[in-house]
């Protein structure tokens, strides 16, 4: 029984770490689905570079973006996950 509990706790821990390591874009997809906010294809068509993408996100007047505007590093990781250079 202890081995089973240890295995379960280990799996929970590993999966928890994996969720933190997931691409930041995964967090954004909930809103950036083409209905609430522009989807991946629309953003790739609109922005050509990571810097352009990050600047637009940081200066967006949309209230839904306020929580993301405080962390430029996360926005840079998201730009990389989307394939911006």
Protein backbone atom coordinates (compact mmCIF):
# COMPACT_ATOMS: atom_id res chain seq x y z
CA UNK A 1 0.00 0.00 0.00
CA UNK A 2 2.86 2.40 0.76
CA UNK A 3 4.43 1.69 -2.61
CA UNK A 4 1.16 2.48 -4.35
CA UNK A 5 0.81 5.76 -2.43
CA UNK A 6 4.42 6.65 -3.18
CA UNK A 7 3.84 5.96 -6.87
CA UNK A 8 0.68 8.08 -6.90
CA UNK A 9 2.41 10.97 -5.13
CA UNK A 10 5.35 10.73 -7.52
CA UNK A 11 3.03 10.84 -10.53
CA UNK A 12 1.13 13.82 -9.14
CA UNK A 13 4.41 15.64 -8.51
CA UNK A 14 5.82 14.88 -11.98
CA UNK A 15 2.59 15.84 -13.74
CA UNK A 16 2.43 19.03 -11.70
CA UNK A 17 5.93 20.00 -12.79
CA UNK A 18 5.12 19.15 -16.39
CA UNK A 19 2.14 21.48 -16.34
CA UNK A 20 4.38 24.36 -15.25
CA UNK A 21 6.81 23.55 -18.03
CA UNK A 22 4.09 23.48 -20.70
CA UNK A 23 4.38 26.07 -23.40
CA UNK A 24 2.94 29.39 -22.32
CA UNK A 25 0.76 29.41 -25.41
CA UNK A 26 -1.27 26.60 -23.85
CA UNK A 27 -2.48 29.06 -21.20
CA UNK A 28 -3.44 31.61 -23.83
CA UNK A 29 -5.45 29.26 -26.03
CA UNK A 30 -8.52 29.47 -23.81
CA UNK A 31 -9.19 33.03 -24.96
CA UNK A 32 -7.17 33.11 -28.18
CA UNK A 33 -9.52 30.75 -29.98
CA UNK A 34 -10.76 33.02 -32.76
CA UNK A 35 -14.00 33.84 -30.96
CA UNK A 36 -12.93 35.71 -27.83
CA UNK A 37 -9.54 36.86 -29.13
CA UNK A 38 -7.49 36.30 -32.31
CA UNK A 39 -6.36 32.71 -32.77
CA UNK A 40 -2.85 31.50 -33.56
CA UNK A 41 -3.24 31.82 -37.34
CA UNK A 42 -4.56 35.38 -37.08
CA UNK A 43 -1.70 36.44 -34.83
CA UNK A 44 0.89 34.83 -37.11
CA UNK A 45 -0.59 36.76 -40.02
CA UNK A 46 -0.61 40.03 -38.07
CA UNK A 47 2.79 39.91 -36.36
CA UNK A 48 6.07 39.07 -38.08
CA UNK A 49 8.56 39.13 -35.20
CA UNK A 50 8.66 38.21 -31.53
CA UNK A 51 9.43 41.81 -30.59
CA UNK A 52 6.40 43.06 -32.51
CA UNK A 53 4.20 40.43 -30.84
CA UNK A 54 5.48 41.22 -27.33
CA UNK A 55 5.14 44.99 -27.84
CA UNK A 56 1.54 44.59 -29.02
CA UNK A 57 0.68 42.39 -26.05
CA UNK A 58 2.36 44.74 -23.57
CA UNK A 59 0.54 47.79 -24.92
CA UNK A 60 -2.85 46.22 -25.61
CA UNK A 61 -5.70 48.31 -24.20
CA UNK A 62 -7.83 45.18 -23.83
CA UNK A 63 -8.63 44.59 -20.16
CA UNK A 64 -8.27 40.83 -20.64
CA UNK A 65 -4.57 41.29 -21.38
CA UNK A 66 -3.78 43.21 -18.18
CA UNK A 67 -2.82 40.07 -16.26
CA UNK A 68 -0.26 39.15 -18.94
CA UNK A 69 1.27 42.58 -19.41
CA UNK A 70 3.29 42.44 -16.22
CA UNK A 71 5.50 39.58 -17.36
CA UNK A 72 7.45 40.28 -20.53
CA UNK A 73 9.40 37.02 -20.14
CA UNK A 74 6.20 34.96 -20.39
CA UNK A 75 5.19 36.89 -23.49
CA UNK A 76 8.61 36.20 -25.04
CA UNK A 77 8.22 32.48 -24.30
CA UNK A 78 4.76 32.56 -25.83
CA UNK A 79 6.15 34.27 -28.94
CA UNK A 80 8.78 31.54 -29.21
CA UNK A 81 6.12 28.84 -28.79
CA UNK A 82 4.20 30.42 -31.66
CA UNK A 83 7.32 30.35 -33.82
CA UNK A 84 8.14 34.05 -33.89
CA UNK A 85 11.83 34.89 -34.26
